[in-house]
Amino acid sequence: MNLQILTPQAEVVRTEALSVSVPGVLGRMQILPGHTQIISLLKAGVLAYEDLKGRHQWHVGAGHIEVVKDHVTVAVDSALAS
């Protein structure tokens, strides 16, 4: 599935992800291929995703996630790779 992580300054990630885990306001959410369509708020925390190169983690600010078909867009205040 296509993953984009956006901040007000730039697109910081665009990759084909196998899974994505985000800090939802009601708890962690894991997104896998074929996930139902959603829009949800995110709180500051750790976003993790796995792609063909391995597992990656980003410290992200508050924002939201939108999943439509196999396209995951995460828009956050800030994002710092860890």
PDB file of N, CA and C in Angstrom:
ATOM      1  N   MET A   1       0.843  -1.172   0.000  1.00  0.00           N
ATOM      2  CA  MET A   1       0.000   0.000   0.000  1.00  0.00           C
ATOM      3  C   MET A   1       0.888   1.234   0.000  1.00  0.00           C
ATOM      4  N   ASN A   2       0.405   2.285  -0.605  1.00  0.00           N
ATOM      5  CA  ASN A   2       1.176   3.517  -0.713  1.00  0.00           C
ATOM      6  C   ASN A   2       1.048   4.315   0.578  1.00  0.00           C
ATOM      7  N   LEU A   3       2.172   4.700   1.168  1.00  0.00           N
ATOM      8  CA  LEU A   3       2.197   5.501   2.395  1.00  0.00           C
ATOM      9  C   LEU A   3       2.836   6.838   2.111  1.00  0.00           C
ATOM     10  N   GLN A   4       2.161   7.905   2.539  1.00  0.00           N
ATOM     11  CA  GLN A   4       2.705   9.263   2.494  1.00  0.00           C
ATOM     12  C   GLN A   4       2.645   9.826   3.896  1.00  0.00           C
ATOM     13  N   ILE A   5       3.745  10.430   4.347  1.00  0.00           N
ATOM     14  CA  ILE A   5       3.756  11.179   5.600  1.00  0.00           C
ATOM     15  C   ILE A   5       4.061  12.621   5.236  1.00  0.00           C
ATOM     16  N   LEU A   6       3.131  13.497   5.589  1.00  0.00           N
ATOM     17  CA  LEU A   6       3.229  14.912   5.236  1.00  0.00           C
ATOM     18  C   LEU A   6       3.301  15.773   6.479  1.00  0.00           C
ATOM     19  N   THR A   7       4.131  16.821   6.414  1.00  0.00           N
ATOM     20  CA  THR A   7       4.160  17.870   7.433  1.00  0.00           C
ATOM     21  C   THR A   7       3.857  19.183   6.714  1.00  0.00           C
ATOM     22  N   PRO A   8       3.630  20.266   7.447  1.00  0.00           N
ATOM     23  CA  PRO A   8       3.419  21.543   6.767  1.00  0.00           C
ATOM     24  C   PRO A   8       4.617  21.961   5.903  1.00  0.00           C
ATOM     25  N   GLN A   9       5.802  21.467   6.216  1.00  0.00           N
ATOM     26  CA  GLN A   9       6.999  21.853   5.489  1.00  0.00           C
ATOM     27  C   GLN A   9       7.274  21.005   4.254  1.00  0.00           C
ATOM     28  N   ALA A  10       6.930  19.712   4.305  1.00  0.00           N
ATOM     29  CA  ALA A  10       7.334  18.827   3.204  1.00  0.00           C
ATOM     30  C   ALA A  10       6.684  17.459   3.304  1.00  0.00           C
ATOM     31  N   GLU A  11       6.781  16.716   2.206  1.00  0.00           N
ATOM     32  CA  GLU A  11       6.470  15.295   2.226  1.00  0.00           C
ATOM     33  C   GLU A  11       7.744  14.606   2.732  1.00  0.00           C
ATOM     34  N   VAL A  12       7.656  13.914   3.871  1.00  0.00           N
ATOM     35  CA  VAL A  12       8.869  13.318   4.449  1.00  0.00           C
ATOM     36  C   VAL A  12       9.018  11.838   4.114  1.00  0.00           C
ATOM     37  N   VAL A  13       7.916  11.175   3.761  1.00  0.00           N
ATOM     38  CA  VAL A  13       7.992   9.763   3.383  1.00  0.00           C
ATOM     39  C   VAL A  13       7.002   9.509   2.250  1.00  0.00           C
ATOM     40  N   ARG A  14       7.450   8.759   1.259  1.00  0.00           N
ATOM     41  CA  ARG A  14       6.571   8.179   0.231  1.00  0.00           C
ATOM     42  C   ARG A  14       7.172   6.817  -0.077  1.00  0.00           C
ATOM     43  N   THR A  15       6.439   5.763   0.264  1.00  0.00           N
ATOM     44  CA  THR A  15       6.952   4.413   0.091  1.00  0.00           C
ATOM     45  C   THR A  15       5.802   3.435  -0.061  1.00  0.00           C
ATOM     46  N   GLU A  16       6.116   2.230  -0.484  1.00  0.00           N
ATOM     47  CA  GLU A  16       5.157   1.128  -0.516  1.00  0.00           C
ATOM     48  C   GLU A  16       5.326   0.356   0.792  1.00  0.00           C
ATOM     49  N   ALA A  17       4.377   0.508   1.682  1.00  0.00           N
ATOM     50  CA  ALA A  17       4.469  -0.093   3.017  1.00  0.00           C
ATOM     51  C   ALA A  17       3.714  -1.418   3.082  1.00  0.00           C
ATOM     52  N   LEU A  18       4.237  -2.320   3.895  1.00  0.00           N
ATOM     53  CA  LEU A  18       3.566  -3.590   4.158  1.00  0.00           C
ATOM     54  C   LEU A  18       2.601  -3.465   5.326  1.00  0.00           C
ATOM     55  N   SER A  19       2.931  -2.578   6.282  1.00  0.00           N
ATOM     56  CA  SER A  19       2.068  -2.303   7.427  1.00  0.00           C
ATOM     57  C   SER A  19       2.444  -0.937   7.989  1.00  0.00           C
ATOM     58  N   VAL A  20       1.466  -0.306   8.654  1.00  0.00           N
ATOM     59  CA  VAL A  20       1.668   1.002   9.271  1.00  0.00           C
ATOM     60  C   VAL A  20       1.004   0.976  10.637  1.00  0.00           C
ATOM     61  N   SER A  21       1.689   1.478  11.659  1.00  0.00           N
ATOM     62  CA  SER A  21       1.141   1.567  13.008  1.00  0.00           C
ATOM     63  C   SER A  21       1.226   3.020  13.452  1.00  0.00           C
ATOM     64  N   VAL A  22       0.093   3.588  13.896  1.00  0.00           N
ATOM     65  CA  VAL A  22       0.027   5.011  14.235  1.00  0.00           C
ATOM     66  C   VAL A  22      -0.564   5.213  15.626  1.00  0.00           C
ATOM     67  N   PRO A  23      -0.206   6.347  16.267  1.00  0.00           N
ATOM     68  CA  PRO A  23      -0.743   6.648  17.600  1.00  0.00           C
ATOM     69  C   PRO A  23      -2.104   7.350  17.510  1.00  0.00           C
ATOM     70  N   GLY A  24      -3.172   6.595  17.425  1.00  0.00           N
ATOM     71  CA  GLY A  24      -4.510   7.169  17.378  1.00  0.00           C
ATOM     72  C   GLY A  24      -4.882   7.800  18.717  1.00  0.00           C
ATOM     73  N   VAL A  25      -5.811   8.715  18.703  1.00  0.00           N
ATOM     74  CA  VAL A  25      -6.200   9.384  19.952  1.00  0.00           C
ATOM     75  C   VAL A  25      -6.861   8.414  20.925  1.00  0.00           C
ATOM     76  N   LEU A  26      -7.414   7.309  20.425  1.00  0.00           N
ATOM     77  CA  LEU A  26      -8.029   6.310  21.299  1.00  0.00           C
ATOM     78  C   LEU A  26      -7.150   5.070  21.474  1.00  0.00           C
ATOM     79  N   GLY A  27      -5.928   5.114  20.964  1.00  0.00           N
ATOM     80  CA  GLY A  27      -5.002   3.988  21.075  1.00  0.00           C
ATOM     81  C   GLY A  27      -4.330   3.716  19.746  1.00  0.00           C
ATOM     82  N   ARG A  28      -3.364   2.817  19.755  1.00  0.00           N
ATOM     83  CA  ARG A  28      -2.614   2.496  18.539  1.00  0.00           C
ATOM     84  C   ARG A  28      -3.518   1.833  17.514  1.00  0.00           C
ATOM     85  N   MET A  29      -3.269   2.160  16.259  1.00  0.00           N
ATOM     86  CA  MET A  29      -3.994   1.547  15.149  1.00  0.00           C
ATOM     87  C   MET A  29      -2.976   0.945  14.195  1.00  0.00           C
ATOM     88  N   GLN A  30      -3.277  -0.245  13.709  1.00  0.00           N
ATOM     89  CA  GLN A  30      -2.428  -0.859  12.697  1.00  0.00           C
ATOM     90  C   GLN A  30      -3.205  -0.927  11.393  1.00  0.00           C
ATOM     91  N   ILE A  31      -2.559  -0.482  10.330  1.00  0.00           N
ATOM     92  CA  ILE A  31      -3.153  -0.475   9.008  1.00  0.00           C
ATOM     93  C   ILE A  31      -2.428  -1.514   8.166  1.00  0.00           C
ATOM     94  N   LEU A  32      -3.195  -2.424   7.589  1.00  0.00           N
ATOM     95  CA  LEU A  32      -2.658  -3.461   6.710  1.00  0.00           C
ATOM     96  C   LEU A  32      -3.314  -3.323   5.341  1.00  0.00           C
ATOM     97  N   PRO A  33      -2.731  -3.901   4.302  1.00  0.00           N
ATOM     98  CA  PRO A  33      -3.360  -3.827   2.984  1.00  0.00           C
ATOM     99  C   PRO A  33      -4.813  -4.302   3.040  1.00  0.00           C
ATOM    100  N   GLY A  34      -5.694  -3.581   2.332  1.00  0.00           N
ATOM    101  CA  GLY A  34      -7.107  -3.932   2.319  1.00  0.00           C
ATOM    102  C   GLY A  34      -7.904  -3.353   3.465  1.00  0.00           C
ATOM    103  N   HIS A  35      -7.267  -2.508   4.295  1.00  0.00           N
ATOM    104  CA  HIS A  35      -7.960  -1.907   5.441  1.00  0.00           C
ATOM    105  C   HIS A  35      -9.161  -1.100   4.960  1.00  0.00           C
ATOM    106  N   THR A  36     -10.198  -1.073   5.772  1.00  0.00           N
ATOM    107  CA  THR A  36     -11.376  -0.281   5.444  1.00  0.00           C
ATOM    108  C   THR A  36     -11.026   1.208   5.397  1.00  0.00           C
ATOM    109  N   GLN A  37     -11.816   1.985   4.676  1.00  0.00           N
ATOM    110  CA  GLN A  37     -11.571   3.421   4.570  1.00  0.00           C
ATOM    111  C   GLN A  37     -11.847   4.084   5.920  1.00  0.00           C
ATOM    112  N   ILE A  38     -10.919   4.958   6.331  1.00  0.00           N
ATOM    113  CA  ILE A  38     -11.102   5.683   7.590  1.00  0.00           C
ATOM    114  C   ILE A  38     -10.461   7.058   7.485  1.00  0.00           C
ATOM    115  N   ILE A  39     -10.927   7.934   8.342  1.00  0.00           N
ATOM    116  CA  ILE A  39     -10.242   9.186   8.660  1.00  0.00           C
ATOM    117  C   ILE A  39     -10.259   9.253  10.177  1.00  0.00           C
ATOM    118  N   SER A  40      -9.103   9.474  10.794  1.00  0.00           N
ATOM    119  CA  SER A  40      -9.021   9.474  12.249  1.00  0.00           C
ATOM    120  C   SER A  40      -7.964  10.463  12.719  1.00  0.00           C
ATOM    121  N   LEU A  41      -8.176  10.991  13.918  1.00  0.00           N
ATOM    122  CA  LEU A  41      -7.193  11.885  14.527  1.00  0.00           C
ATOM    123  C   LEU A  41      -6.039  11.091  15.118  1.00  0.00           C
ATOM    124  N   LEU A  42      -4.865  11.714  15.094  1.00  0.00           N
ATOM    125  CA  LEU A  42      -3.669  11.121  15.695  1.00  0.00           C
ATOM    126  C   LEU A  42      -3.162  12.030  16.798  1.00  0.00           C
ATOM    127  N   LYS A  43      -2.567  11.422  17.815  1.00  0.00           N
ATOM    128  CA  LYS A  43      -1.882  12.205  18.841  1.00  0.00           C
ATOM    129  C   LYS A  43      -0.380  12.090  18.608  1.00  0.00           C
ATOM    130  N   ALA A  44       0.371  12.941  19.256  1.00  0.00           N
ATOM    131  CA  ALA A  44       1.826  12.868  19.142  1.00  0.00           C
ATOM    132  C   ALA A  44       2.305  11.521  19.671  1.00  0.00           C
ATOM    133  N   GLY A  45       3.300  10.955  18.994  1.00  0.00           N
ATOM    134  CA  GLY A  45       3.835   9.665  19.408  1.00  0.00           C
ATOM    135  C   GLY A  45       4.708   9.063  18.328  1.00  0.00           C
ATOM    136  N   VAL A  46       4.803   7.747  18.332  1.00  0.00           N
ATOM    137  CA  VAL A  46       5.667   7.038  17.388  1.00  0.00           C
ATOM    138  C   VAL A  46       4.815   6.397  16.298  1.00  0.00           C
ATOM    139  N   LEU A  47       5.143   6.716  15.063  1.00  0.00           N
ATOM    140  CA  LEU A  47       4.568   6.072  13.886  1.00  0.00           C
ATOM    141  C   LEU A  47       5.608   5.075  13.397  1.00  0.00           C
ATOM    142  N   ALA A  48       5.183   3.845  13.155  1.00  0.00           N
ATOM    143  CA  ALA A  48       6.107   2.821  12.650  1.00  0.00           C
ATOM    144  C   ALA A  48       5.526   2.228  11.379  1.00  0.00           C
ATOM    145  N   TYR A  49       6.401   1.915  10.444  1.00  0.00           N
ATOM    146  CA  TYR A  49       5.949   1.227   9.238  1.00  0.00           C
ATOM    147  C   TYR A  49       7.027   0.250   8.801  1.00  0.00           C
ATOM    148  N   GLU A  50       6.578  -0.750   8.063  1.00  0.00           N
ATOM    149  CA  GLU A  50       7.498  -1.735   7.507  1.00  0.00           C
ATOM    150  C   GLU A  50       7.359  -1.706   5.998  1.00  0.00           C
ATOM    151  N   ASP A  51       8.495  -1.669   5.312  1.00  0.00           N
ATOM    152  CA  ASP A  51       8.514  -1.776   3.857  1.00  0.00           C
ATOM    153  C   ASP A  51       9.547  -2.828   3.477  1.00  0.00           C
ATOM    154  N   LEU A  52       9.871  -2.936   2.212  1.00  0.00           N
ATOM    155  CA  LEU A  52      10.823  -3.962   1.775  1.00  0.00           C
ATOM    156  C   LEU A  52      12.233  -3.734   2.304  1.00  0.00           C
ATOM    157  N   LYS A  53      12.528  -2.514   2.765  1.00  0.00           N
ATOM    158  CA  LYS A  53      13.853  -2.206   3.324  1.00  0.00           C
ATOM    159  C   LYS A  53      13.935  -2.450   4.818  1.00  0.00           C
ATOM    160  N   GLY A  54      12.809  -2.772   5.481  1.00  0.00           N
ATOM    161  CA  GLY A  54      12.822  -3.031   6.907  1.00  0.00           C
ATOM    162  C   GLY A  54      11.792  -2.220   7.666  1.00  0.00           C
ATOM    163  N   ARG A  55      12.023  -2.080   8.960  1.00  0.00           N
ATOM    164  CA  ARG A  55      11.098  -1.365   9.845  1.00  0.00           C
ATOM    165  C   ARG A  55      11.655   0.034  10.103  1.00  0.00           C
ATOM    166  N   HIS A  56      10.766   1.022  10.102  1.00  0.00           N
ATOM    167  CA  HIS A  56      11.147   2.419  10.286  1.00  0.00           C
ATOM    168  C   HIS A  56      10.256   3.050  11.348  1.00  0.00           C
ATOM    169  N   GLN A  57      10.819   3.985  12.114  1.00  0.00           N
ATOM    170  CA  GLN A  57      10.051   4.696  13.130  1.00  0.00           C
ATOM    171  C   GLN A  57      10.242   6.191  12.985  1.00  0.00           C
ATOM    172  N   TRP A  58       9.156   6.927  13.195  1.00  0.00           N
ATOM    173  CA  TRP A  58       9.159   8.385  13.167  1.00  0.00           C
ATOM    174  C   TRP A  58       8.449   8.892  14.410  1.00  0.00           C
ATOM    175  N   HIS A  59       9.011   9.907  15.045  1.00  0.00           N
ATOM    176  CA  HIS A  59       8.312  10.616  16.116  1.00  0.00           C
ATOM    177  C   HIS A  59       7.489  11.692  15.431  1.00  0.00           C
ATOM    178  N   VAL A  60       6.166  11.620  15.612  1.00  0.00           N
ATOM    179  CA  VAL A  60       5.280  12.539  14.907  1.00  0.00           C
ATOM    180  C   VAL A  60       4.485  13.384  15.894  1.00  0.00           C
ATOM    181  N   GLY A  61       4.103  14.569  15.433  1.00  0.00           N
ATOM    182  CA  GLY A  61       3.206  15.423  16.185  1.00  0.00           C
ATOM    183  C   GLY A  61       1.765  15.023  15.900  1.00  0.00           C
ATOM    184  N   ALA A  62       0.847  15.763  16.479  1.00  0.00           N
ATOM    185  CA  ALA A  62      -0.575  15.495  16.283  1.00  0.00           C
ATOM    186  C   ALA A  62      -0.968  15.729  14.828  1.00  0.00           C
ATOM    187  N   GLY A  63      -2.035  15.077  14.402  1.00  0.00           N
ATOM    188  CA  GLY A  63      -2.509  15.248  13.039  1.00  0.00           C
ATOM    189  C   GLY A  63      -3.655  14.314  12.754  1.00  0.00           C
ATOM    190  N   HIS A  64      -3.682  13.785  11.519  1.00  0.00           N
ATOM    191  CA  HIS A  64      -4.734  12.832  11.159  1.00  0.00           C
ATOM    192  C   HIS A  64      -4.210  11.829  10.134  1.00  0.00           C
ATOM    193  N   ILE A  65      -4.963  10.744   9.991  1.00  0.00           N
ATOM    194  CA  ILE A  65      -4.657   9.699   9.021  1.00  0.00           C
ATOM    195  C   ILE A  65      -5.897   9.489   8.164  1.00  0.00           C
ATOM    196  N   GLU A  66      -5.665   9.257   6.886  1.00  0.00           N
ATOM    197  CA  GLU A  66      -6.754   8.927   5.973  1.00  0.00           C
ATOM    198  C   GLU A  66      -6.333   7.688   5.197  1.00  0.00           C
ATOM    199  N   VAL A  67      -7.207   6.692   5.177  1.00  0.00           N
ATOM    200  CA  VAL A  67      -6.966   5.465   4.427  1.00  0.00           C
ATOM    201  C   VAL A  67      -8.074   5.336   3.393  1.00  0.00           C
ATOM    202  N   VAL A  68      -7.694   5.309   2.119  1.00  0.00           N
ATOM    203  CA  VAL A  68      -8.638   5.129   1.020  1.00  0.00           C
ATOM    204  C   VAL A  68      -8.044   4.070   0.102  1.00  0.00           C
ATOM    205  N   LYS A  69      -8.755   2.948  -0.002  1.00  0.00           N
ATOM    206  CA  LYS A  69      -8.261   1.788  -0.740  1.00  0.00           C
ATOM    207  C   LYS A  69      -6.900   1.427  -0.171  1.00  0.00           C
ATOM    208  N   ASP A  70      -5.858   1.337  -0.966  1.00  0.00           N
ATOM    209  CA  ASP A  70      -4.536   1.016  -0.424  1.00  0.00           C
ATOM    210  C   ASP A  70      -3.628   2.240  -0.439  1.00  0.00           C
ATOM    211  N   HIS A  71      -4.203   3.401  -0.148  1.00  0.00           N
ATOM    212  CA  HIS A  71      -3.420   4.631  -0.051  1.00  0.00           C
ATOM    213  C   HIS A  71      -3.593   5.194   1.361  1.00  0.00           C
ATOM    214  N   VAL A  72      -2.480   5.314   2.094  1.00  0.00           N
ATOM    215  CA  VAL A  72      -2.487   5.810   3.476  1.00  0.00           C
ATOM    216  C   VAL A  72      -1.786   7.164   3.491  1.00  0.00           C
ATOM    217  N   THR A  73      -2.530   8.196   3.905  1.00  0.00           N
ATOM    218  CA  THR A  73      -1.959   9.525   4.017  1.00  0.00           C
ATOM    219  C   THR A  73      -1.972   9.932   5.486  1.00  0.00           C
ATOM    220  N   VAL A  74      -0.804  10.305   5.986  1.00  0.00           N
ATOM    221  CA  VAL A  74      -0.662  10.772   7.358  1.00  0.00           C
ATOM    222  C   VAL A  74      -0.200  12.221   7.284  1.00  0.00           C
ATOM    223  N   ALA A  75      -1.001  13.136   7.830  1.00  0.00           N
ATOM    224  CA  ALA A  75      -0.650  14.564   7.861  1.00  0.00           C
ATOM    225  C   ALA A  75      -0.490  14.942   9.328  1.00  0.00           C
ATOM    226  N   VAL A  76       0.736  15.377   9.683  1.00  0.00           N
ATOM    227  CA  VAL A  76       1.061  15.684  11.075  1.00  0.00           C
ATOM    228  C   VAL A  76       1.773  17.024  11.188  1.00  0.00           C
ATOM    229  N   ASP A  77       1.754  17.580  12.405  1.00  0.00           N
ATOM    230  CA  ASP A  77       2.425  18.848  12.660  1.00  0.00           C
ATOM    231  C   ASP A  77       3.925  18.774  12.433  1.00  0.00           C
ATOM    232  N   SER A  78       4.527  17.634  12.811  1.00  0.00           N
ATOM    233  CA  SER A  78       5.973  17.465  12.691  1.00  0.00           C
ATOM    234  C   SER A  78       6.290  15.987  12.587  1.00  0.00           C
ATOM    235  N   ALA A  79       7.476  15.670  12.052  1.00  0.00           N
ATOM    236  CA  ALA A  79       7.914  14.283  11.918  1.00  0.00           C
ATOM    237  C   ALA A  79       9.444  14.250  11.954  1.00  0.00           C
ATOM    238  N   LEU A  80       9.971  13.400  12.813  1.00  0.00           N
ATOM    239  CA  LEU A  80      11.421  13.268  12.975  1.00  0.00           C
ATOM    240  C   LEU A  80      11.768  11.779  12.965  1.00  0.00           C
ATOM    241  N   ALA A  81      12.613  11.376  12.034  1.00  0.00           N
ATOM    242  CA  ALA A  81      13.019   9.958  11.948  1.00  0.00           C
ATOM    243  C   ALA A  81      13.804   9.580  13.192  1.00  0.00           C
ATOM    244  N   SER A  82      13.597   8.349  13.657  1.00  0.00           N
ATOM    245  CA  SER A  82      14.373   7.881  14.822  1.00  0.00           C
ATOM    246  C   SER A  82      15.138   6.633  14.489  1.00  0.00           C
TER     247      SER A  82
END
